[in-house]
Amino acid sequence: MSDAPNDGGIKMIVAVIRPDRLGDVKKALARVGAPSLTVTNVSGRGSQPAKKGQWRGEEYTVDLHQKVKVECVVADIPADEVVDAIREAANTGEPGDGKIFVLDVADALQIRTGKRGPDAV
């Protein structure tokens, strides 16, 4: 085993969180040294209960909730530190706080410089 973070590999951390927690998550990632991220607006359904609404006299159910997907790729920062930072910043203690996934990245290539692997991250 290598002494390098993530055993010398590249990890992608994907978190699906509440939109109102994004600012706190960005600050937490910057504190652990992982400020680079990609953010996408998504809809999803999980343990958060569906909401009932009414519009023009008709009742409807909203079971797809608005979320934000945050993706962060790290090589020189331990993935566990990034996961802990996201979890602490995104946690409200309520159903629907989201999920975090950690994936191995086979390779990375920086388009501008042509660097590959951990150097590209």
PDB file of N, CA and C in Angstrom:
ATOM      1  N   MET A   1       0.835  -1.189   0.000  1.00  0.00           N
ATOM      2  CA  MET A   1       0.000   0.000   0.000  1.00  0.00           C
ATOM      3  C   MET A   1       0.878   1.251   0.000  1.00  0.00           C
ATOM      4  N   SER A   2       0.405   2.247  -0.645  1.00  0.00           N
ATOM      5  CA  SER A   2       1.130   3.510  -0.753  1.00  0.00           C
ATOM      6  C   SER A   2       0.767   4.425   0.404  1.00  0.00           C
ATOM      7  N   ASP A   3       1.705   5.315   0.757  1.00  0.00           N
ATOM      8  CA  ASP A   3       1.421   6.315   1.788  1.00  0.00           C
ATOM      9  C   ASP A   3       0.684   7.516   1.211  1.00  0.00           C
ATOM     10  N   ALA A   4       0.514   7.555  -0.114  1.00  0.00           N
ATOM     11  CA  ALA A   4      -0.179   8.667  -0.762  1.00  0.00           C
ATOM     12  C   ALA A   4      -1.663   8.611  -0.426  1.00  0.00           C
ATOM     13  N   PRO A   5      -2.313   9.794  -0.375  1.00  0.00           N
ATOM     14  CA  PRO A   5      -3.762   9.788  -0.141  1.00  0.00           C
ATOM     15  C   PRO A   5      -4.472   8.923  -1.181  1.00  0.00           C
ATOM     16  N   ASN A   6      -5.531   8.252  -0.768  1.00  0.00           N
ATOM     17  CA  ASN A   6      -6.332   7.396  -1.658  1.00  0.00           C
ATOM     18  C   ASN A   6      -5.485   6.297  -2.288  1.00  0.00           C
ATOM     19  N   ASP A   7      -4.418   5.887  -1.599  1.00  0.00           N
ATOM     20  CA  ASP A   7      -3.493   4.860  -2.090  1.00  0.00           C
ATOM     21  C   ASP A   7      -2.933   5.199  -3.465  1.00  0.00           C
ATOM     22  N   GLY A   8      -2.733   6.483  -3.714  1.00  0.00           N
ATOM     23  CA  GLY A   8      -2.168   6.942  -4.974  1.00  0.00           C
ATOM     24  C   GLY A   8      -3.162   7.023  -6.113  1.00  0.00           C
ATOM     25  N   GLY A   9      -4.410   6.704  -5.856  1.00  0.00           N
ATOM     26  CA  GLY A   9      -5.434   6.712  -6.902  1.00  0.00           C
ATOM     27  C   GLY A   9      -6.224   8.014  -6.925  1.00  0.00           C
ATOM     28  N   ILE A  10      -7.189   8.047  -7.820  1.00  0.00           N
ATOM     29  CA  ILE A  10      -8.070   9.204  -7.970  1.00  0.00           C
ATOM     30  C   ILE A  10      -9.460   8.773  -7.529  1.00  0.00           C
ATOM     31  N   LYS A  11     -10.118   9.607  -6.745  1.00  0.00           N
ATOM     32  CA  LYS A  11     -11.468   9.322  -6.261  1.00  0.00           C
ATOM     33  C   LYS A  11     -12.413  10.431  -6.694  1.00  0.00           C
ATOM     34  N   MET A  12     -13.630  10.034  -7.048  1.00  0.00           N
ATOM     35  CA  MET A  12     -14.680  11.006  -7.315  1.00  0.00           C
ATOM     36  C   MET A  12     -15.709  10.872  -6.201  1.00  0.00           C
ATOM     37  N   ILE A  13     -16.005  11.989  -5.562  1.00  0.00           N
ATOM     38  CA  ILE A  13     -17.024  12.031  -4.527  1.00  0.00           C
ATOM     39  C   ILE A  13     -18.239  12.714  -5.130  1.00  0.00           C
ATOM     40  N   VAL A  14     -19.375  12.023  -5.112  1.00  0.00           N
ATOM     41  CA  VAL A  14     -20.630  12.546  -5.648  1.00  0.00           C
ATOM     42  C   VAL A  14     -21.597  12.659  -4.477  1.00  0.00           C
ATOM     43  N   ALA A  15     -22.086  13.867  -4.236  1.00  0.00           N
ATOM     44  CA  ALA A  15     -23.032  14.092  -3.147  1.00  0.00           C
ATOM     45  C   ALA A  15     -24.310  14.689  -3.719  1.00  0.00           C
ATOM     46  N   VAL A  16     -25.440  14.155  -3.289  1.00  0.00           N
ATOM     47  CA  VAL A  16     -26.742  14.705  -3.652  1.00  0.00           C
ATOM     48  C   VAL A  16     -27.298  15.309  -2.371  1.00  0.00           C
ATOM     49  N   ILE A  17     -27.451  16.653  -2.361  1.00  0.00           N
ATOM     50  CA  ILE A  17     -27.779  17.368  -1.126  1.00  0.00           C
ATOM     51  C   ILE A  17     -28.934  18.335  -1.341  1.00  0.00           C
ATOM     52  N   ARG A  18     -29.401  18.904  -0.244  1.00  0.00           N
ATOM     53  CA  ARG A  18     -30.425  19.953  -0.308  1.00  0.00           C
ATOM     54  C   ARG A  18     -29.801  21.216  -0.912  1.00  0.00           C
ATOM     55  N   PRO A  19     -30.532  21.924  -1.775  1.00  0.00           N
ATOM     56  CA  PRO A  19     -29.975  23.127  -2.399  1.00  0.00           C
ATOM     57  C   PRO A  19     -29.555  24.199  -1.397  1.00  0.00           C
ATOM     58  N   ASP A  20     -30.271  24.328  -0.287  1.00  0.00           N
ATOM     59  CA  ASP A  20     -29.938  25.369   0.678  1.00  0.00           C
ATOM     60  C   ASP A  20     -28.667  25.066   1.462  1.00  0.00           C
ATOM     61  N   ARG A  21     -28.101  23.874   1.337  1.00  0.00           N
ATOM     62  CA  ARG A  21     -26.869  23.513   2.042  1.00  0.00           C
ATOM     63  C   ARG A  21     -25.629  23.684   1.159  1.00  0.00           C
ATOM     64  N   LEU A  22     -25.819  24.074  -0.100  1.00  0.00           N
ATOM     65  CA  LEU A  22     -24.699  24.173  -1.036  1.00  0.00           C
ATOM     66  C   LEU A  22     -23.627  25.151  -0.566  1.00  0.00           C
ATOM     67  N   GLY A  23     -24.018  26.311  -0.077  1.00  0.00           N
ATOM     68  CA  GLY A  23     -23.033  27.292   0.381  1.00  0.00           C
ATOM     69  C   GLY A  23     -22.154  26.746   1.484  1.00  0.00           C
ATOM     70  N   ASP A  24     -22.750  26.056   2.444  1.00  0.00           N
ATOM     71  CA  ASP A  24     -21.979  25.465   3.535  1.00  0.00           C
ATOM     72  C   ASP A  24     -21.051  24.367   3.034  1.00  0.00           C
ATOM     73  N   VAL A  25     -21.516  23.580   2.071  1.00  0.00           N
ATOM     74  CA  VAL A  25     -20.689  22.509   1.519  1.00  0.00           C
ATOM     75  C   VAL A  25     -19.492  23.099   0.768  1.00  0.00           C
ATOM     76  N   LYS A  26     -19.708  24.150  -0.008  1.00  0.00           N
ATOM     77  CA  LYS A  26     -18.599  24.795  -0.723  1.00  0.00           C
ATOM     78  C   LYS A  26     -17.548  25.307   0.251  1.00  0.00           C
ATOM     79  N   LYS A  27     -17.983  25.931   1.340  1.00  0.00           N
ATOM     80  CA  LYS A  27     -17.038  26.427   2.354  1.00  0.00           C
ATOM     81  C   LYS A  27     -16.279  25.281   3.002  1.00  0.00           C
ATOM     82  N   ALA A  28     -16.977  24.193   3.309  1.00  0.00           N
ATOM     83  CA  ALA A  28     -16.338  23.038   3.938  1.00  0.00           C
ATOM     84  C   ALA A  28     -15.303  22.402   3.014  1.00  0.00           C
ATOM     85  N   LEU A  29     -15.620  22.316   1.718  1.00  0.00           N
ATOM     86  CA  LEU A  29     -14.664  21.759   0.763  1.00  0.00           C
ATOM     87  C   LEU A  29     -13.432  22.651   0.640  1.00  0.00           C
ATOM     88  N   ALA A  30     -13.626  23.946   0.657  1.00  0.00           N
ATOM     89  CA  ALA A  30     -12.481  24.862   0.587  1.00  0.00           C
ATOM     90  C   ALA A  30     -11.591  24.704   1.830  1.00  0.00           C
ATOM     91  N   ARG A  31     -12.202  24.476   2.989  1.00  0.00           N
ATOM     92  CA  ARG A  31     -11.429  24.307   4.227  1.00  0.00           C
ATOM     93  C   ARG A  31     -10.541  23.065   4.192  1.00  0.00           C
ATOM     94  N   VAL A  32     -11.015  21.987   3.543  1.00  0.00           N
ATOM     95  CA  VAL A  32     -10.193  20.767   3.481  1.00  0.00           C
ATOM     96  C   VAL A  32      -9.272  20.760   2.265  1.00  0.00           C
ATOM     97  N   GLY A  33      -9.274  21.839   1.493  1.00  0.00           N
ATOM     98  CA  GLY A  33      -8.356  21.952   0.364  1.00  0.00           C
ATOM     99  C   GLY A  33      -8.874  21.358  -0.933  1.00  0.00           C
ATOM    100  N   ALA A  34     -10.200  21.212  -1.055  1.00  0.00           N
ATOM    101  CA  ALA A  34     -10.799  20.650  -2.274  1.00  0.00           C
ATOM    102  C   ALA A  34     -11.815  21.627  -2.841  1.00  0.00           C
ATOM    103  N   PRO A  35     -11.374  22.804  -3.314  1.00  0.00           N
ATOM    104  CA  PRO A  35     -12.323  23.815  -3.779  1.00  0.00           C
ATOM    105  C   PRO A  35     -12.908  23.552  -5.162  1.00  0.00           C
ATOM    106  N   SER A  36     -12.303  22.642  -5.947  1.00  0.00           N
ATOM    107  CA  SER A  36     -12.789  22.372  -7.301  1.00  0.00           C
ATOM    108  C   SER A  36     -13.978  21.430  -7.248  1.00  0.00           C
ATOM    109  N   LEU A  37     -15.072  21.836  -7.889  1.00  0.00           N
ATOM    110  CA  LEU A  37     -16.268  21.005  -7.872  1.00  0.00           C
ATOM    111  C   LEU A  37     -17.138  21.320  -9.062  1.00  0.00           C
ATOM    112  N   THR A  38     -18.054  20.416  -9.332  1.00  0.00           N
ATOM    113  CA  THR A  38     -19.069  20.598 -10.359  1.00  0.00           C
ATOM    114  C   THR A  38     -20.415  20.480  -9.672  1.00  0.00           C
ATOM    115  N   VAL A  39     -21.334  21.396  -9.981  1.00  0.00           N
ATOM    116  CA  VAL A  39     -22.650  21.413  -9.349  1.00  0.00           C
ATOM    117  C   VAL A  39     -23.718  21.314 -10.437  1.00  0.00           C
ATOM    118  N   THR A  40     -24.685  20.423 -10.213  1.00  0.00           N
ATOM    119  CA  THR A  40     -25.783  20.226 -11.144  1.00  0.00           C
ATOM    120  C   THR A  40     -27.095  20.232 -10.371  1.00  0.00           C
ATOM    121  N   ASN A  41     -28.110  20.904 -10.896  1.00  0.00           N
ATOM    122  CA  ASN A  41     -29.439  20.843 -10.293  1.00  0.00           C
ATOM    123  C   ASN A  41     -30.113  19.558 -10.761  1.00  0.00           C
ATOM    124  N   VAL A  42     -30.619  18.775  -9.806  1.00  0.00           N
ATOM    125  CA  VAL A  42     -31.259  17.501 -10.117  1.00  0.00           C
ATOM    126  C   VAL A  42     -32.555  17.362  -9.325  1.00  0.00           C
ATOM    127  N   SER A  43     -33.374  16.387  -9.709  1.00  0.00           N
ATOM    128  CA  SER A  43     -34.577  16.019  -8.952  1.00  0.00           C
ATOM    129  C   SER A  43     -34.433  14.570  -8.558  1.00  0.00           C
ATOM    130  N   GLY A  44     -34.946  14.228  -7.391  1.00  0.00           N
ATOM    131  CA  GLY A  44     -34.827  12.842  -6.968  1.00  0.00           C
ATOM    132  C   GLY A  44     -35.843  12.468  -5.917  1.00  0.00           C
ATOM    133  N   ARG A  45     -35.863  11.170  -5.630  1.00  0.00           N
ATOM    134  CA  ARG A  45     -36.779  10.647  -4.631  1.00  0.00           C
ATOM    135  C   ARG A  45     -36.023   9.652  -3.782  1.00  0.00           C
ATOM    136  N   GLY A  46     -36.193   9.769  -2.482  1.00  0.00           N
ATOM    137  CA  GLY A  46     -35.536   8.858  -1.554  1.00  0.00           C
ATOM    138  C   GLY A  46     -36.391   8.709  -0.319  1.00  0.00           C
ATOM    139  N   SER A  47     -35.801   8.904   0.848  1.00  0.00           N
ATOM    140  CA  SER A  47     -36.528   8.715   2.099  1.00  0.00           C
ATOM    141  C   SER A  47     -37.361   9.937   2.492  1.00  0.00           C
ATOM    142  N   GLN A  48     -37.136  11.058   1.823  1.00  0.00           N
ATOM    143  CA  GLN A  48     -37.901  12.270   2.127  1.00  0.00           C
ATOM    144  C   GLN A  48     -39.355  12.059   1.712  1.00  0.00           C
ATOM    145  N   PRO A  49     -40.302  12.339   2.611  1.00  0.00           N
ATOM    146  CA  PRO A  49     -41.709  12.074   2.274  1.00  0.00           C
ATOM    147  C   PRO A  49     -42.216  12.980   1.151  1.00  0.00           C
ATOM    148  N   ALA A  50     -43.189  12.458   0.404  1.00  0.00           N
ATOM    149  CA  ALA A  50     -43.821  13.233  -0.665  1.00  0.00           C
ATOM    150  C   ALA A  50     -44.638  14.361  -0.051  1.00  0.00           C
ATOM    151  N   LYS A  51     -44.799  15.436  -0.808  1.00  0.00           N
ATOM    152  CA  LYS A  51     -45.581  16.580  -0.351  1.00  0.00           C
ATOM    153  C   LYS A  51     -46.852  16.670  -1.181  1.00  0.00           C
ATOM    154  N   LYS A  52     -47.938  16.995  -0.524  1.00  0.00           N
ATOM    155  CA  LYS A  52     -49.213  17.195  -1.209  1.00  0.00           C
ATOM    156  C   LYS A  52     -49.387  18.687  -1.450  1.00  0.00           C
ATOM    157  N   GLY A  53     -49.955  19.022  -2.588  1.00  0.00           N
ATOM    158  CA  GLY A  53     -50.226  20.415  -2.910  1.00  0.00           C
ATOM    159  C   GLY A  53     -51.576  20.534  -3.584  1.00  0.00           C
ATOM    160  N   GLN A  54     -52.005  21.766  -3.746  1.00  0.00           N
ATOM    161  CA  GLN A  54     -53.271  21.998  -4.427  1.00  0.00           C
ATOM    162  C   GLN A  54     -53.089  23.180  -5.365  1.00  0.00           C
ATOM    163  N   TRP A  55     -53.586  23.011  -6.593  1.00  0.00           N
ATOM    164  CA  TRP A  55     -53.495  24.066  -7.585  1.00  0.00           C
ATOM    165  C   TRP A  55     -54.785  24.075  -8.382  1.00  0.00           C
ATOM    166  N   ARG A  56     -55.447  25.217  -8.404  1.00  0.00           N
ATOM    167  CA  ARG A  56     -56.731  25.386  -9.102  1.00  0.00           C
ATOM    168  C   ARG A  56     -57.749  24.312  -8.696  1.00  0.00           C
ATOM    169  N   GLY A  57     -57.770  24.030  -7.414  1.00  0.00           N
ATOM    170  CA  GLY A  57     -58.750  23.089  -6.894  1.00  0.00           C
ATOM    171  C   GLY A  57     -58.389  21.630  -7.046  1.00  0.00           C
ATOM    172  N   GLU A  58     -57.313  21.331  -7.724  1.00  0.00           N
ATOM    173  CA  GLU A  58     -56.882  19.945  -7.920  1.00  0.00           C
ATOM    174  C   GLU A  58     -55.723  19.639  -6.981  1.00  0.00           C
ATOM    175  N   GLU A  59     -55.783  18.488  -6.327  1.00  0.00           N
ATOM    176  CA  GLU A  59     -54.697  18.061  -5.448  1.00  0.00           C
ATOM    177  C   GLU A  59     -53.645  17.314  -6.266  1.00  0.00           C
ATOM    178  N   TYR A  60     -52.390  17.525  -5.940  1.00  0.00           N
ATOM    179  CA  TYR A  60     -51.313  16.818  -6.617  1.00  0.00           C
ATOM    180  C   TYR A  60     -50.257  16.433  -5.599  1.00  0.00           C
ATOM    181  N   THR A  61     -49.413  15.479  -5.968  1.00  0.00           N
ATOM    182  CA  THR A  61     -48.344  14.994  -5.100  1.00  0.00           C
ATOM    183  C   THR A  61     -47.004  15.302  -5.743  1.00  0.00           C
ATOM    184  N   VAL A  62     -46.109  15.858  -4.953  1.00  0.00           N
ATOM    185  CA  VAL A  62     -44.735  16.110  -5.402  1.00  0.00           C
ATOM    186  C   VAL A  62     -43.857  15.073  -4.722  1.00  0.00           C
ATOM    187  N   ASP A  63     -43.384  14.088  -5.499  1.00  0.00           N
ATOM    188  CA  ASP A  63     -42.515  13.075  -4.902  1.00  0.00           C
ATOM    189  C   ASP A  63     -41.096  13.122  -5.455  1.00  0.00           C
ATOM    190  N   LEU A  64     -40.844  14.023  -6.397  1.00  0.00           N
ATOM    191  CA  LEU A  64     -39.476  14.293  -6.853  1.00  0.00           C
ATOM    192  C   LEU A  64     -39.072  15.642  -6.268  1.00  0.00           C
ATOM    193  N   HIS A  65     -38.072  15.619  -5.410  1.00  0.00           N
ATOM    194  CA  HIS A  65     -37.648  16.825  -4.715  1.00  0.00           C
ATOM    195  C   HIS A  65     -36.422  17.425  -5.394  1.00  0.00           C
ATOM    196  N   GLN A  66     -36.345  18.750  -5.394  1.00  0.00           N
ATOM    197  CA  GLN A  66     -35.204  19.438  -5.977  1.00  0.00           C
ATOM    198  C   GLN A  66     -33.980  19.218  -5.098  1.00  0.00           C
ATOM    199  N   LYS A  67     -32.896  18.811  -5.720  1.00  0.00           N
ATOM    200  CA  LYS A  67     -31.631  18.567  -5.025  1.00  0.00           C
ATOM    201  C   LYS A  67     -30.505  19.179  -5.851  1.00  0.00           C
ATOM    202  N   VAL A  68     -29.316  19.162  -5.284  1.00  0.00           N
ATOM    203  CA  VAL A  68     -28.116  19.615  -5.969  1.00  0.00           C
ATOM    204  C   VAL A  68     -27.120  18.459  -5.931  1.00  0.00           C
ATOM    205  N   LYS A  69     -26.555  18.132  -7.103  1.00  0.00           N
ATOM    206  CA  LYS A  69     -25.507  17.107  -7.152  1.00  0.00           C
ATOM    207  C   LYS A  69     -24.161  17.811  -7.203  1.00  0.00           C
ATOM    208  N   VAL A  70     -23.303  17.487  -6.250  1.00  0.00           N
ATOM    209  CA  VAL A  70     -21.965  18.067  -6.155  1.00  0.00           C
ATOM    210  C   VAL A  70     -20.969  16.956  -6.465  1.00  0.00           C
ATOM    211  N   GLU A  71     -20.098  17.203  -7.437  1.00  0.00           N
ATOM    212  CA  GLU A  71     -19.064  16.229  -7.801  1.00  0.00           C
ATOM    213  C   GLU A  71     -17.703  16.846  -7.549  1.00  0.00           C
ATOM    214  N   CYS A  72     -16.847  16.085  -6.907  1.00  0.00           N
ATOM    215  CA  CYS A  72     -15.504  16.558  -6.564  1.00  0.00           C
ATOM    216  C   CYS A  72     -14.528  15.411  -6.810  1.00  0.00           C
ATOM    217  N   VAL A  73     -13.482  15.660  -7.579  1.00  0.00           N
ATOM    218  CA  VAL A  73     -12.475  14.636  -7.871  1.00  0.00           C
ATOM    219  C   VAL A  73     -11.193  15.016  -7.142  1.00  0.00           C
ATOM    220  N   VAL A  74     -10.638  14.050  -6.387  1.00  0.00           N
ATOM    221  CA  VAL A  74      -9.434  14.324  -5.597  1.00  0.00           C
ATOM    222  C   VAL A  74      -8.398  13.238  -5.809  1.00  0.00           C
ATOM    223  N   ALA A  75      -7.142  13.636  -5.726  1.00  0.00           N
ATOM    224  CA  ALA A  75      -6.031  12.688  -5.790  1.00  0.00           C
ATOM    225  C   ALA A  75      -5.100  12.904  -4.601  1.00  0.00           C
ATOM    226  N   ASP A  76      -4.777  14.162  -4.312  1.00  0.00           N
ATOM    227  CA  ASP A  76      -3.811  14.460  -3.249  1.00  0.00           C
ATOM    228  C   ASP A  76      -4.473  14.797  -1.912  1.00  0.00           C
ATOM    229  N   ILE A  77      -5.787  14.723  -1.846  1.00  0.00           N
ATOM    230  CA  ILE A  77      -6.539  14.959  -0.614  1.00  0.00           C
ATOM    231  C   ILE A  77      -7.285  13.667  -0.299  1.00  0.00           C
ATOM    232  N   PRO A  78      -7.204  13.160   0.931  1.00  0.00           N
ATOM    233  CA  PRO A  78      -7.919  11.926   1.254  1.00  0.00           C
ATOM    234  C   PRO A  78      -9.429  12.065   1.026  1.00  0.00           C
ATOM    235  N   ALA A  79     -10.002  11.108   0.319  1.00  0.00           N
ATOM    236  CA  ALA A  79     -11.434  11.133   0.018  1.00  0.00           C
ATOM    237  C   ALA A  79     -12.257  11.133   1.304  1.00  0.00           C
ATOM    238  N   ASP A  80     -11.775  10.450   2.343  1.00  0.00           N
ATOM    239  CA  ASP A  80     -12.509  10.403   3.610  1.00  0.00           C
ATOM    240  C   ASP A  80     -12.675  11.790   4.219  1.00  0.00           C
ATOM    241  N   GLU A  81     -11.657  12.650   4.078  1.00  0.00           N
ATOM    242  CA  GLU A  81     -11.756  14.025   4.597  1.00  0.00           C
ATOM    243  C   GLU A  81     -12.818  14.813   3.838  1.00  0.00           C
ATOM    244  N   VAL A  82     -12.883  14.613   2.537  1.00  0.00           N
ATOM    245  CA  VAL A  82     -13.870  15.304   1.711  1.00  0.00           C
ATOM    246  C   VAL A  82     -15.278  14.821   2.072  1.00  0.00           C
ATOM    247  N   VAL A  83     -15.436  13.515   2.233  1.00  0.00           N
ATOM    248  CA  VAL A  83     -16.735  12.939   2.600  1.00  0.00           C
ATOM    249  C   VAL A  83     -17.184  13.491   3.952  1.00  0.00           C
ATOM    250  N   ASP A  84     -16.275  13.512   4.938  1.00  0.00           N
ATOM    251  CA  ASP A  84     -16.625  14.026   6.270  1.00  0.00           C
ATOM    252  C   ASP A  84     -17.024  15.493   6.216  1.00  0.00           C
ATOM    253  N   ALA A  85     -16.300  16.277   5.414  1.00  0.00           N
ATOM    254  CA  ALA A  85     -16.605  17.711   5.298  1.00  0.00           C
ATOM    255  C   ALA A  85     -17.987  17.919   4.687  1.00  0.00           C
ATOM    256  N   ILE A  86     -18.303  17.168   3.642  1.00  0.00           N
ATOM    257  CA  ILE A  86     -19.618  17.297   3.004  1.00  0.00           C
ATOM    258  C   ILE A  86     -20.712  16.871   3.969  1.00  0.00           C
ATOM    259  N   ARG A  87     -20.503  15.745   4.642  1.00  0.00           N
ATOM    260  CA  ARG A  87     -21.527  15.237   5.558  1.00  0.00           C
ATOM    261  C   ARG A  87     -21.827  16.236   6.667  1.00  0.00           C
ATOM    262  N   GLU A  88     -20.798  16.787   7.272  1.00  0.00           N
ATOM    263  CA  GLU A  88     -21.009  17.741   8.364  1.00  0.00           C
ATOM    264  C   GLU A  88     -21.707  19.002   7.878  1.00  0.00           C
ATOM    265  N   ALA A  89     -21.346  19.474   6.680  1.00  0.00           N
ATOM    266  CA  ALA A  89     -21.929  20.714   6.162  1.00  0.00           C
ATOM    267  C   ALA A  89     -23.355  20.528   5.651  1.00  0.00           C
ATOM    268  N   ALA A  90     -23.681  19.344   5.150  1.00  0.00           N
ATOM    269  CA  ALA A  90     -24.996  19.118   4.544  1.00  0.00           C
ATOM    270  C   ALA A  90     -26.024  18.563   5.530  1.00  0.00           C
ATOM    271  N   ASN A  91     -25.583  18.155   6.698  1.00  0.00           N
ATOM    272  CA  ASN A  91     -26.468  17.486   7.648  1.00  0.00           C
ATOM    273  C   ASN A  91     -27.424  18.461   8.334  1.00  0.00           C
ATOM    274  N   THR A  92     -28.731  18.167   8.244  1.00  0.00           N
ATOM    275  CA  THR A  92     -29.735  18.910   9.012  1.00  0.00           C
ATOM    276  C   THR A  92     -30.413  17.999  10.019  1.00  0.00           C
ATOM    277  N   GLY A  93     -30.200  16.689   9.889  1.00  0.00           N
ATOM    278  CA  GLY A  93     -30.832  15.727  10.768  1.00  0.00           C
ATOM    279  C   GLY A  93     -32.228  15.321  10.337  1.00  0.00           C
ATOM    280  N   GLU A  94     -32.690  15.826   9.208  1.00  0.00           N
ATOM    281  CA  GLU A  94     -34.034  15.535   8.698  1.00  0.00           C
ATOM    282  C   GLU A  94     -33.952  14.560   7.525  1.00  0.00           C
ATOM    283  N   PRO A  95     -35.032  13.798   7.269  1.00  0.00           N
ATOM    284  CA  PRO A  95     -35.052  12.965   6.056  1.00  0.00           C
ATOM    285  C   PRO A  95     -34.875  13.851   4.822  1.00  0.00           C
ATOM    286  N   GLY A  96     -34.125  13.363   3.843  1.00  0.00           N
ATOM    287  CA  GLY A  96     -33.908  14.123   2.617  1.00  0.00           C
ATOM    288  C   GLY A  96     -32.612  14.904   2.606  1.00  0.00           C
ATOM    289  N   ASP A  97     -31.736  14.676   3.600  1.00  0.00           N
ATOM    290  CA  ASP A  97     -30.447  15.363   3.611  1.00  0.00           C
ATOM    291  C   ASP A  97     -29.567  14.953   2.436  1.00  0.00           C
ATOM    292  N   GLY A  98     -29.745  13.748   1.916  1.00  0.00           N
ATOM    293  CA  GLY A  98     -29.021  13.333   0.728  1.00  0.00           C
ATOM    294  C   GLY A  98     -28.144  12.126   0.943  1.00  0.00           C
ATOM    295  N   LYS A  99     -27.289  11.891  -0.038  1.00  0.00           N
ATOM    296  CA  LYS A  99     -26.384  10.744  -0.026  1.00  0.00           C
ATOM    297  C   LYS A  99     -25.027  11.192  -0.570  1.00  0.00           C
ATOM    298  N   ILE A 100     -23.991  10.436  -0.193  1.00  0.00           N
ATOM    299  CA  ILE A 100     -22.640  10.666  -0.705  1.00  0.00           C
ATOM    300  C   ILE A 100     -22.127   9.337  -1.241  1.00  0.00           C
ATOM    301  N   PHE A 101     -21.558   9.367  -2.447  1.00  0.00           N
ATOM    302  CA  PHE A 101     -20.996   8.185  -3.076  1.00  0.00           C
ATOM    303  C   PHE A 101     -19.524   8.447  -3.370  1.00  0.00           C
ATOM    304  N   VAL A 102     -18.674   7.436  -3.203  1.00  0.00           N
ATOM    305  CA  VAL A 102     -17.249   7.544  -3.503  1.00  0.00           C
ATOM    306  C   VAL A 102     -16.935   6.512  -4.581  1.00  0.00           C
ATOM    307  N   LEU A 103     -16.386   7.005  -5.701  1.00  0.00           N
ATOM    308  CA  LEU A 103     -16.100   6.150  -6.848  1.00  0.00           C
ATOM    309  C   LEU A 103     -14.617   6.191  -7.186  1.00  0.00           C
ATOM    310  N   ASP A 104     -14.083   5.071  -7.626  1.00  0.00           N
ATOM    311  CA  ASP A 104     -12.721   5.044  -8.156  1.00  0.00           C
ATOM    312  C   ASP A 104     -12.740   5.602  -9.572  1.00  0.00           C
ATOM    313  N   VAL A 105     -11.749   6.427  -9.894  1.00  0.00           N
ATOM    314  CA  VAL A 105     -11.619   6.981 -11.245  1.00  0.00           C
ATOM    315  C   VAL A 105     -10.452   6.272 -11.915  1.00  0.00           C
ATOM    316  N   ALA A 106     -10.705   5.650 -13.052  1.00  0.00           N
ATOM    317  CA  ALA A 106      -9.671   4.881 -13.756  1.00  0.00           C
ATOM    318  C   ALA A 106      -8.563   5.779 -14.285  1.00  0.00           C
ATOM    319  N   ASP A 107      -8.916   6.941 -14.810  1.00  0.00           N
ATOM    320  CA  ASP A 107      -7.914   7.847 -15.382  1.00  0.00           C
ATOM    321  C   ASP A 107      -8.511   9.235 -15.476  1.00  0.00           C
ATOM    322  N   ALA A 108      -7.654  10.221 -15.602  1.00  0.00           N
ATOM    323  CA  ALA A 108      -8.065  11.608 -15.806  1.00  0.00           C
ATOM    324  C   ALA A 108      -7.083  12.243 -16.786  1.00  0.00           C
ATOM    325  N   LEU A 109      -7.579  13.174 -17.580  1.00  0.00           N
ATOM    326  CA  LEU A 109      -6.740  13.870 -18.552  1.00  0.00           C
ATOM    327  C   LEU A 109      -7.092  15.343 -18.525  1.00  0.00           C
ATOM    328  N   GLN A 110      -6.098  16.188 -18.302  1.00  0.00           N
ATOM    329  CA  GLN A 110      -6.329  17.632 -18.345  1.00  0.00           C
ATOM    330  C   GLN A 110      -6.184  18.077 -19.796  1.00  0.00           C
ATOM    331  N   ILE A 111      -7.231  18.631 -20.339  1.00  0.00           N
ATOM    332  CA  ILE A 111      -7.272  18.963 -21.760  1.00  0.00           C
ATOM    333  C   ILE A 111      -6.186  19.972 -22.143  1.00  0.00           C
ATOM    334  N   ARG A 112      -6.052  21.047 -21.363  1.00  0.00           N
ATOM    335  CA  ARG A 112      -5.121  22.120 -21.731  1.00  0.00           C
ATOM    336  C   ARG A 112      -3.668  21.660 -21.746  1.00  0.00           C
ATOM    337  N   THR A 113      -3.243  20.891 -20.721  1.00  0.00           N
ATOM    338  CA  THR A 113      -1.833  20.540 -20.587  1.00  0.00           C
ATOM    339  C   THR A 113      -1.494  19.135 -21.070  1.00  0.00           C
ATOM    340  N   GLY A 114      -2.503  18.282 -21.165  1.00  0.00           N
ATOM    341  CA  GLY A 114      -2.254  16.893 -21.546  1.00  0.00           C
ATOM    342  C   GLY A 114      -1.807  16.014 -20.394  1.00  0.00           C
ATOM    343  N   LYS A 115      -1.768  16.568 -19.165  1.00  0.00           N
ATOM    344  CA  LYS A 115      -1.384  15.762 -17.997  1.00  0.00           C
ATOM    345  C   LYS A 115      -2.400  14.659 -17.776  1.00  0.00           C
ATOM    346  N   ARG A 116      -1.899  13.516 -17.290  1.00  0.00           N
ATOM    347  CA  ARG A 116      -2.761  12.358 -17.042  1.00  0.00           C
ATOM    348  C   ARG A 116      -2.645  11.905 -15.604  1.00  0.00           C
ATOM    349  N   GLY A 117      -3.654  11.148 -15.175  1.00  0.00           N
ATOM    350  CA  GLY A 117      -3.642  10.548 -13.843  1.00  0.00           C
ATOM    351  C   GLY A 117      -3.774  11.585 -12.745  1.00  0.00           C
ATOM    352  N   PRO A 118      -3.206  11.296 -11.561  1.00  0.00           N
ATOM    353  CA  PRO A 118      -3.325  12.219 -10.424  1.00  0.00           C
ATOM    354  C   PRO A 118      -2.798  13.626 -10.718  1.00  0.00           C
ATOM    355  N   ASP A 119      -1.820  13.763 -11.621  1.00  0.00           N
ATOM    356  CA  ASP A 119      -1.316  15.089 -11.966  1.00  0.00           C
ATOM    357  C   ASP A 119      -2.356  15.950 -12.677  1.00  0.00           C
ATOM    358  N   ALA A 120      -3.320  15.312 -13.327  1.00  0.00           N
ATOM    359  CA  ALA A 120      -4.363  16.047 -14.052  1.00  0.00           C
ATOM    360  C   ALA A 120      -5.399  16.630 -13.105  1.00  0.00           C
ATOM    361  N   VAL A 121      -5.490  16.060 -11.907  1.00  0.00           N
ATOM    362  CA  VAL A 121      -6.486  16.502 -10.935  1.00  0.00           C
ATOM    363  C   VAL A 121      -5.927  17.683 -10.191  1.00  0.00           C
TER     364      VAL A 121
END
